[in-house]
C-alpha atoms as a PDB file:
ATOM      1  CA  MET A   1      -7.166 -22.310   2.382  1.00  0.00           C
ATOM      2  CA  ILE A   2      -9.429 -20.072   4.458  1.00  0.00           C
ATOM      3  CA  GLU A   3     -12.736 -21.475   3.329  1.00  0.00           C
ATOM      4  CA  SER A   4     -15.412 -19.138   4.791  1.00  0.00           C
ATOM      5  CA  GLY A   5     -16.053 -16.278   7.028  1.00  0.00           C
ATOM      6  CA  SER A   6     -14.353 -12.900   7.315  1.00  0.00           C
ATOM      7  CA  PHE A   7     -10.638 -12.909   7.309  1.00  0.00           C
ATOM      8  CA  LEU A   8      -8.765  -9.709   7.136  1.00  0.00           C
ATOM      9  CA  VAL A   9      -4.898  -9.489   6.911  1.00  0.00           C
ATOM     10  CA  ALA A  10      -3.089  -6.165   7.403  1.00  0.00           C
ATOM     11  CA  ILE A  11       0.520  -5.761   6.165  1.00  0.00           C
ATOM     12  CA  ASP A  12       2.629  -2.614   6.794  1.00  0.00           C
ATOM     13  CA  GLY A  13       6.170  -1.847   5.936  1.00  0.00           C
ATOM     14  CA  PRO A  14       8.584   0.515   4.176  1.00  0.00           C
ATOM     15  CA  SER A  15       9.175   0.772   0.425  1.00  0.00           C
ATOM     16  CA  GLY A  16      10.718  -2.333  -1.048  1.00  0.00           C
ATOM     17  CA  SER A  17      10.020  -4.497   1.944  1.00  0.00           C
ATOM     18  CA  GLY A  18       8.019  -6.852  -0.287  1.00  0.00           C
ATOM     19  CA  LYS A  19       4.505  -5.838   0.823  1.00  0.00           C
ATOM     20  CA  SER A  20       2.887  -5.951  -2.631  1.00  0.00           C
ATOM     21  CA  THR A  21       4.515  -9.246  -3.738  1.00  0.00           C
ATOM     22  CA  THR A  22       3.628 -10.848  -0.363  1.00  0.00           C
ATOM     23  CA  ALA A  23       0.088  -9.550  -0.276  1.00  0.00           C
ATOM     24  CA  LYS A  24      -0.755 -10.600  -3.802  1.00  0.00           C
ATOM     25  CA  LEU A  25       0.719 -14.046  -3.370  1.00  0.00           C
ATOM     26  CA  LEU A  26      -1.137 -14.514  -0.033  1.00  0.00           C
ATOM     27  CA  ALA A  27      -4.395 -13.409  -1.553  1.00  0.00           C
ATOM     28  CA  ARG A  28      -4.031 -15.905  -4.480  1.00  0.00           C
ATOM     29  CA  ARG A  29      -3.127 -18.744  -2.245  1.00  0.00           C
ATOM     30  CA  GLN A  30      -5.972 -18.088   0.238  1.00  0.00           C
ATOM     31  CA  GLY A  31      -8.681 -16.999  -2.203  1.00  0.00           C
ATOM     32  CA  LEU A  32      -8.875 -13.420  -0.771  1.00  0.00           C
ATOM     33  CA  GLY A  33      -9.132  -9.960  -2.227  1.00  0.00           C
ATOM     34  CA  TYR A  34      -6.071  -7.725  -2.496  1.00  0.00           C
ATOM     35  CA  LEU A  35      -5.844  -3.955  -1.800  1.00  0.00           C
ATOM     36  CA  ASP A  36      -2.687  -1.830  -2.456  1.00  0.00           C
ATOM     37  CA  THR A  37      -3.507   1.307  -0.441  1.00  0.00           C
ATOM     38  CA  GLY A  38      -0.378   3.005  -1.692  1.00  0.00           C
ATOM     39  CA  ALA A  39      -1.840   2.850  -5.223  1.00  0.00           C
ATOM     40  CA  MET A  40      -4.797   4.774  -4.021  1.00  0.00           C
ATOM     41  CA  TYR A  41      -2.477   7.632  -2.887  1.00  0.00           C
ATOM     42  CA  ARG A  42      -0.753   7.354  -6.294  1.00  0.00           C
ATOM     43  CA  ALA A  43      -4.139   7.627  -8.014  1.00  0.00           C
ATOM     44  CA  ALA A  44      -4.933  10.665  -6.100  1.00  0.00           C
ATOM     45  CA  THR A  45      -1.567  12.202  -7.015  1.00  0.00           C
ATOM     46  CA  ALA A  46      -2.090  11.455 -10.641  1.00  0.00           C
ATOM     47  CA  GLU A  47      -5.405  13.414 -10.498  1.00  0.00           C
ATOM     48  CA  VAL A  48      -3.812  16.233  -8.608  1.00  0.00           C
ATOM     49  CA  LEU A  49      -0.987  16.558 -11.201  1.00  0.00           C
ATOM     50  CA  ARG A  50      -3.542  16.394 -14.019  1.00  0.00           C
ATOM     51  CA  SER A  51      -6.134  18.767 -12.613  1.00  0.00           C
ATOM     52  CA  LEU A  52      -4.432  21.315 -10.317  1.00  0.00           C
ATOM     53  CA  PRO A  53      -1.691  23.940 -10.899  1.00  0.00           C
ATOM     54  CA  GLU A  54       1.621  23.679  -9.162  1.00  0.00           C
ATOM     55  CA  SER A  55       0.510  26.636  -6.976  1.00  0.00           C
ATOM     56  CA  ALA A  56      -2.423  24.632  -5.555  1.00  0.00           C
ATOM     57  CA  THR A  57      -2.775  24.776  -1.755  1.00  0.00           C
ATOM     58  CA  ASP A  58      -3.319  21.786   0.504  1.00  0.00           C
ATOM     59  CA  GLU A  59      -6.993  22.796   0.763  1.00  0.00           C
ATOM     60  CA  ASP A  60      -7.263  22.502  -3.081  1.00  0.00           C
ATOM     61  CA  VAL A  61      -5.755  19.021  -2.947  1.00  0.00           C
ATOM     62  CA  VAL A  62      -8.138  17.949  -0.129  1.00  0.00           C
ATOM     63  CA  ALA A  63     -11.165  19.235  -2.024  1.00  0.00           C
ATOM     64  CA  LEU A  64     -10.105  17.356  -5.215  1.00  0.00           C
ATOM     65  CA  VAL A  65      -9.424  14.060  -3.410  1.00  0.00           C
ATOM     66  CA  GLU A  66     -12.602  14.233  -1.317  1.00  0.00           C
ATOM     67  CA  GLY A  67     -14.723  14.870  -4.473  1.00  0.00           C
ATOM     68  CA  ALA A  68     -13.029  12.215  -6.587  1.00  0.00           C
ATOM     69  CA  GLU A  69     -14.644   8.971  -7.621  1.00  0.00           C
ATOM     70  CA  PHE A  70     -12.268   6.033  -7.088  1.00  0.00           C
ATOM     71  CA  THR A  71     -12.764   2.622  -8.766  1.00  0.00           C
ATOM     72  CA  VAL A  72     -10.650  -0.226  -7.423  1.00  0.00           C
ATOM     73  CA  SER A  73     -10.295  -3.737  -8.694  1.00  0.00           C
ATOM     74  CA  THR A  74      -9.128  -6.118  -5.912  1.00  0.00           C
ATOM     75  CA  ASP A  75      -8.180  -9.101  -8.089  1.00  0.00           C
ATOM     76  CA  PRO A  76      -4.652 -10.041  -7.043  1.00  0.00           C
ATOM     77  CA  ASP A  77      -3.934 -11.118 -10.590  1.00  0.00           C
ATOM     78  CA  ALA A  78      -5.185  -7.915 -12.162  1.00  0.00           C
ATOM     79  CA  PRO A  79      -5.387  -5.030  -9.594  1.00  0.00           C
ATOM     80  CA  ARG A  80      -6.554  -1.908 -11.391  1.00  0.00           C
ATOM     81  CA  PHE A  81      -7.281   1.677 -10.327  1.00  0.00           C
ATOM     82  CA  ALA A  82      -9.397   4.437 -11.844  1.00  0.00           C
ATOM     83  CA  ILE A  83     -10.115   7.984 -10.642  1.00  0.00           C
ATOM     84  CA  ASN A  84     -12.860  10.110 -12.128  1.00  0.00           C
ATOM     85  CA  GLY A  85     -13.340   7.527 -14.811  1.00  0.00           C
ATOM     86  CA  ILE A  86      -9.702   7.544 -15.947  1.00  0.00           C
ATOM     87  CA  ASP A  87      -7.755   4.249 -15.694  1.00  0.00           C
ATOM     88  CA  VAL A  88      -4.471   5.142 -14.008  1.00  0.00           C
ATOM     89  CA  THR A  89      -3.152   1.646 -13.337  1.00  0.00           C
ATOM     90  CA  THR A  90      -0.095   2.079 -15.556  1.00  0.00           C
ATOM     91  CA  GLU A  91       0.286   5.837 -14.990  1.00  0.00           C
ATOM     92  CA  ILE A  92       0.641   5.598 -11.213  1.00  0.00           C
ATOM     93  CA  ARG A  93       3.892   3.553 -11.687  1.00  0.00           C
ATOM     94  CA  GLU A  94       5.610   6.338 -13.464  1.00  0.00           C
ATOM     95  CA  PRO A  95       8.663   7.967 -11.686  1.00  0.00           C
ATOM     96  CA  ARG A  96       6.950  11.361 -11.757  1.00  0.00           C
ATOM     97  CA  ILE A  97       4.088   9.991  -9.633  1.00  0.00           C
ATOM     98  CA  ALA A  98       6.482   8.461  -7.148  1.00  0.00           C
ATOM     99  CA  ALA A  99       8.350  11.725  -6.905  1.00  0.00           C
ATOM    100  CA  ALA A 100       5.177  13.665  -6.090  1.00  0.00           C
ATOM    101  CA  VAL A 101       3.026  11.229  -4.064  1.00  0.00           C
ATOM    102  CA  SER A 102       4.500  12.237  -0.651  1.00  0.00           C
ATOM    103  CA  ARG A 103       3.211  15.773  -1.268  1.00  0.00           C
ATOM    104  CA  VAL A 104      -0.335  14.380  -1.373  1.00  0.00           C
ATOM    105  CA  ALA A 105       0.032  11.557   1.128  1.00  0.00           C
ATOM    106  CA  THR A 106       1.417  13.638   3.981  1.00  0.00           C
ATOM    107  CA  ILE A 107      -1.744  15.902   4.006  1.00  0.00           C
ATOM    108  CA  LEU A 108      -3.629  14.632   7.068  1.00  0.00           C
ATOM    109  CA  ALA A 109      -7.092  15.439   5.634  1.00  0.00           C
ATOM    110  CA  VAL A 110      -6.241  13.400   2.482  1.00  0.00           C
ATOM    111  CA  ARG A 111      -5.188  10.468   4.662  1.00  0.00           C
ATOM    112  CA  ARG A 112      -8.459  10.689   6.588  1.00  0.00           C
ATOM    113  CA  SER A 113     -10.449  10.688   3.392  1.00  0.00           C
ATOM    114  CA  LEU A 114      -8.579   7.798   1.785  1.00  0.00           C
ATOM    115  CA  THR A 115      -8.698   5.798   5.053  1.00  0.00           C
ATOM    116  CA  GLN A 116     -12.408   5.920   4.980  1.00  0.00           C
ATOM    117  CA  ARG A 117     -12.446   4.751   1.328  1.00  0.00           C
ATOM    118  CA  MET A 118     -10.075   1.846   2.184  1.00  0.00           C
ATOM    119  CA  ARG A 119     -12.421   0.825   4.934  1.00  0.00           C
ATOM    120  CA  GLU A 120     -15.305   0.794   2.488  1.00  0.00           C
ATOM    121  CA  VAL A 121     -13.414  -1.505   0.211  1.00  0.00           C
ATOM    122  CA  ILE A 122     -12.745  -3.812   3.113  1.00  0.00           C
ATOM    123  CA  SER A 123     -16.397  -3.776   4.040  1.00  0.00           C
ATOM    124  CA  ASP A 124     -17.441  -4.422   0.459  1.00  0.00           C
ATOM    125  CA  HIS A 125     -15.362  -7.576   0.542  1.00  0.00           C
ATOM    126  CA  GLN A 126     -16.847  -8.855   3.770  1.00  0.00           C
ATOM    127  CA  ARG A 127     -13.432  -8.404   5.346  1.00  0.00           C
ATOM    128  CA  ARG A 128     -11.991 -11.229   3.206  1.00  0.00           C
ATOM    129  CA  ILE A 129      -9.042  -9.363   1.840  1.00  0.00           C
ATOM    130  CA  VAL A 130      -5.367  -8.659   2.275  1.00  0.00           C
ATOM    131  CA  VAL A 131      -4.562  -5.014   2.671  1.00  0.00           C
ATOM    132  CA  GLU A 132      -1.092  -3.573   2.465  1.00  0.00           C
ATOM    133  CA  GLY A 133       0.481  -0.134   2.953  1.00  0.00           C
ATOM    134  CA  ARG A 134       1.831   2.187   5.557  1.00  0.00           C
ATOM    135  CA  ASP A 135      -0.552   2.359   8.560  1.00  0.00           C
ATOM    136  CA  ILE A 136      -2.925  -0.438   7.949  1.00  0.00           C
ATOM    137  CA  THR A 137      -2.159  -2.315  11.122  1.00  0.00           C
ATOM    138  CA  THR A 138      -2.653   0.809  13.270  1.00  0.00           C
ATOM    139  CA  VAL A 139      -5.119   3.096  11.593  1.00  0.00           C
ATOM    140  CA  VAL A 140      -6.982   1.543   8.675  1.00  0.00           C
ATOM    141  CA  ALA A 141      -7.587  -1.940  10.142  1.00  0.00           C
ATOM    142  CA  PRO A 142      -6.307  -2.214  13.667  1.00  0.00           C
ATOM    143  CA  ASP A 143      -8.825  -5.004  14.248  1.00  0.00           C
ATOM    144  CA  ALA A 144      -7.461  -7.251  11.446  1.00  0.00           C
ATOM    145  CA  ASP A 145      -7.246 -10.909  12.153  1.00  0.00           C
ATOM    146  CA  VAL A 146      -3.569 -10.958  11.283  1.00  0.00           C
ATOM    147  CA  ARG A 147      -1.355  -7.867  11.515  1.00  0.00           C
ATOM    148  CA  VAL A 148       2.223  -7.914  10.100  1.00  0.00           C
ATOM    149  CA  LEU A 149       5.030  -5.397   9.812  1.00  0.00           C
ATOM    150  CA  LEU A 150       7.232  -6.557   6.936  1.00  0.00           C
ATOM    151  CA  VAL A 151      10.797  -5.127   6.991  1.00  0.00           C
ATOM    152  CA  ALA A 152      14.064  -5.569   5.138  1.00  0.00           C
ATOM    153  CA  ASP A 153      17.378  -3.979   5.150  1.00  0.00           C
ATOM    154  CA  PRO A 154      17.763  -0.785   3.034  1.00  0.00           C
ATOM    155  CA  GLN A 155      20.134  -2.200   0.520  1.00  0.00           C
ATOM    156  CA  ALA A 156      17.702  -5.080  -0.270  1.00  0.00           C
ATOM    157  CA  ARG A 157      14.736  -2.688  -0.448  1.00  0.00           C
ATOM    158  CA  VAL A 158      16.533  -0.407  -3.024  1.00  0.00           C
ATOM    159  CA  ALA A 159      17.575  -3.450  -5.104  1.00  0.00           C
ATOM    160  CA  ARG A 160      14.075  -4.806  -5.149  1.00  0.00           C
ATOM    161  CA  ARG A 161      12.526  -1.485  -6.269  1.00  0.00           C
ATOM    162  CA  ALA A 162      15.233  -1.215  -8.953  1.00  0.00           C
ATOM    163  CA  ALA A 163      14.193  -4.615 -10.357  1.00  0.00           C
ATOM    164  CA  GLU A 164      10.576  -3.562 -10.101  1.00  0.00           C
ATOM    165  CA  VAL A 165      10.898  -0.436 -12.139  1.00  0.00           C
ATOM    166  CA  ALA A 166      13.154  -2.306 -14.656  1.00  0.00           C
ATOM    167  CA  GLY A 167      15.064   0.577 -16.057  1.00  0.00           C
ATOM    168  CA  LYS A 168      12.280   3.116 -16.019  1.00  0.00           C
ATOM    169  CA  ALA A 169      14.165   5.172 -13.356  1.00  0.00           C
ATOM    170  CA  THR A 170      17.747   5.971 -12.752  1.00  0.00           C
ATOM    171  CA  ALA A 171      19.614   4.494  -9.705  1.00  0.00           C
ATOM    172  CA  ALA A 172      19.328   7.891  -7.989  1.00  0.00           C
ATOM    173  CA  GLU A 173      15.588   8.063  -8.639  1.00  0.00           C
ATOM    174  CA  VAL A 174      15.067   4.589  -7.190  1.00  0.00           C
ATOM    175  CA  THR A 175      17.029   5.425  -4.137  1.00  0.00           C
ATOM    176  CA  ASP A 176      14.979   8.611  -3.713  1.00  0.00           C
ATOM    177  CA  GLN A 177      11.722   6.720  -4.218  1.00  0.00           C
ATOM    178  CA  VAL A 178      12.598   4.234  -1.435  1.00  0.00           C
ATOM    179  CA  LEU A 179      14.437   6.172   1.180  1.00  0.00           C
ATOM    180  CA  ARG A 180      13.263   9.812   0.765  1.00  0.00           C
ATOM    181  CA  ARG A 181       9.599   8.763   0.490  1.00  0.00           C
ATOM    182  CA  ASP A 182       9.958   6.658   3.639  1.00  0.00           C
ATOM    183  CA  ARG A 183      11.447   9.584   5.405  1.00  0.00           C
ATOM    184  CA  ASP A 184       8.663  11.888   4.236  1.00  0.00           C
ATOM    185  CA  ASP A 185       5.828   9.509   4.987  1.00  0.00           C
ATOM    186  CA  SER A 186       7.250   8.706   8.463  1.00  0.00           C
ATOM    187  CA  THR A 187       6.243  12.221   9.482  1.00  0.00           C
ATOM    188  CA  VAL A 188       2.559  11.147   9.376  1.00  0.00           C
ATOM    189  CA  SER A 189       2.719   7.370   9.581  1.00  0.00           C
ATOM    190  CA  ASN A 190       4.601   4.899  11.776  1.00  0.00           C
ATOM    191  CA  PHE A 191       5.546   1.917   9.593  1.00  0.00           C
ATOM    192  CA  THR A 192       8.948   1.114  11.123  1.00  0.00           C
ATOM    193  CA  ASP A 193       7.837   0.156  14.678  1.00  0.00           C
ATOM    194  CA  ALA A 194       5.469  -2.685  15.409  1.00  0.00           C
ATOM    195  CA  ALA A 195       2.432  -1.759  17.479  1.00  0.00           C
ATOM    196  CA  GLU A 196       1.252  -4.150  20.227  1.00  0.00           C
ATOM    197  CA  GLY A 197      -0.007  -7.338  18.650  1.00  0.00           C
ATOM    198  CA  VAL A 198       1.743  -6.773  15.305  1.00  0.00           C
ATOM    199  CA  THR A 199       4.205  -9.503  14.155  1.00  0.00           C
ATOM    200  CA  VAL A 200       7.394  -8.373  12.595  1.00  0.00           C
ATOM    201  CA  ILE A 201       8.779 -10.414   9.697  1.00  0.00           C
ATOM    202  CA  ASP A 202      12.180  -9.596   8.205  1.00  0.00           C
ATOM    203  CA  SER A 203      12.070 -10.499   4.529  1.00  0.00           C
ATOM    204  CA  THR A 204      15.716  -9.670   3.686  1.00  0.00           C
ATOM    205  CA  PHE A 205      16.762 -13.238   3.246  1.00  0.00           C
ATOM    206  CA  LEU A 206      13.310 -14.880   2.645  1.00  0.00           C
ATOM    207  CA  SER A 207      11.672 -15.775  -0.607  1.00  0.00           C
ATOM    208  CA  PRO A 208       8.043 -14.400  -1.107  1.00  0.00           C
ATOM    209  CA  ASP A 209       6.710 -17.941  -0.588  1.00  0.00           C
ATOM    210  CA  GLU A 210       8.601 -18.278   2.747  1.00  0.00           C
ATOM    211  CA  VAL A 211       7.090 -14.934   3.961  1.00  0.00           C
ATOM    212  CA  VAL A 212       3.676 -16.031   2.929  1.00  0.00           C
ATOM    213  CA  ASP A 213       4.175 -19.347   4.776  1.00  0.00           C
ATOM    214  CA  GLN A 214       4.905 -17.467   7.924  1.00  0.00           C
ATOM    215  CA  ILE A 215       1.774 -15.322   7.598  1.00  0.00           C
ATOM    216  CA  ILE A 216      -0.420 -18.362   6.917  1.00  0.00           C
ATOM    217  CA  SER A 217       0.933 -19.904  10.058  1.00  0.00           C
ATOM    218  CA  LEU A 218      -0.100 -16.770  11.930  1.00  0.00           C
ATOM    219  CA  ALA A 219      -3.508 -16.960  10.284  1.00  0.00           C
ATOM    220  CA  GLU A 220      -4.039 -20.608  11.259  1.00  0.00           C
ATOM    221  CA  ALA A 221      -3.059 -19.726  14.879  1.00  0.00           C
ATOM    222  CA  ALA A 222      -5.530 -16.823  14.811  1.00  0.00           C
ATOM    223  CA  ARG A 223      -8.322 -19.089  13.517  1.00  0.00           C
END
């Protein structure tokens, strides 16, 4: 257990690599906060779909996101997200949000705005938090105490996402969520190649506990 002082862990990786499961388990075991940055993009997308017409421009989307009020719970046992007073914790897991989120997440000005909000959450937690997403190790928190790129083979990633949505999406929709979104997001974020100082962990044949054990070993070495 990391007893005191700041300790920031940054985890990047493609869809289905196990980022959320790993980050929540690590946060529980080490007494840290947990932030799913992808959920922030999904929350923004939910508000865009609710408040803007299909003809909305990128500028409209940016203005909406920059003016929005985000409320984030970083409890790994009960992470919750609200935007402009509306709890979207359940809504952001719907297939329609997954299908639309890249449209919002690939707008660079949106990424800059949400990156700043992510850093504020990290600061609010005195840097005692596990943060996972797409470009956490390189953009959001390149100064994290431990930086990990979590990967897995595509077949395993699709299977994991299918289990996660538990029948709420078709096989084609699940594959689209994993592979198409990765392809779209890779145009604005590098989450397939490890930057200098970032440790790659392949989770294909590892249990969540085994992945967390490896990260804890990295944390102990960093301390």
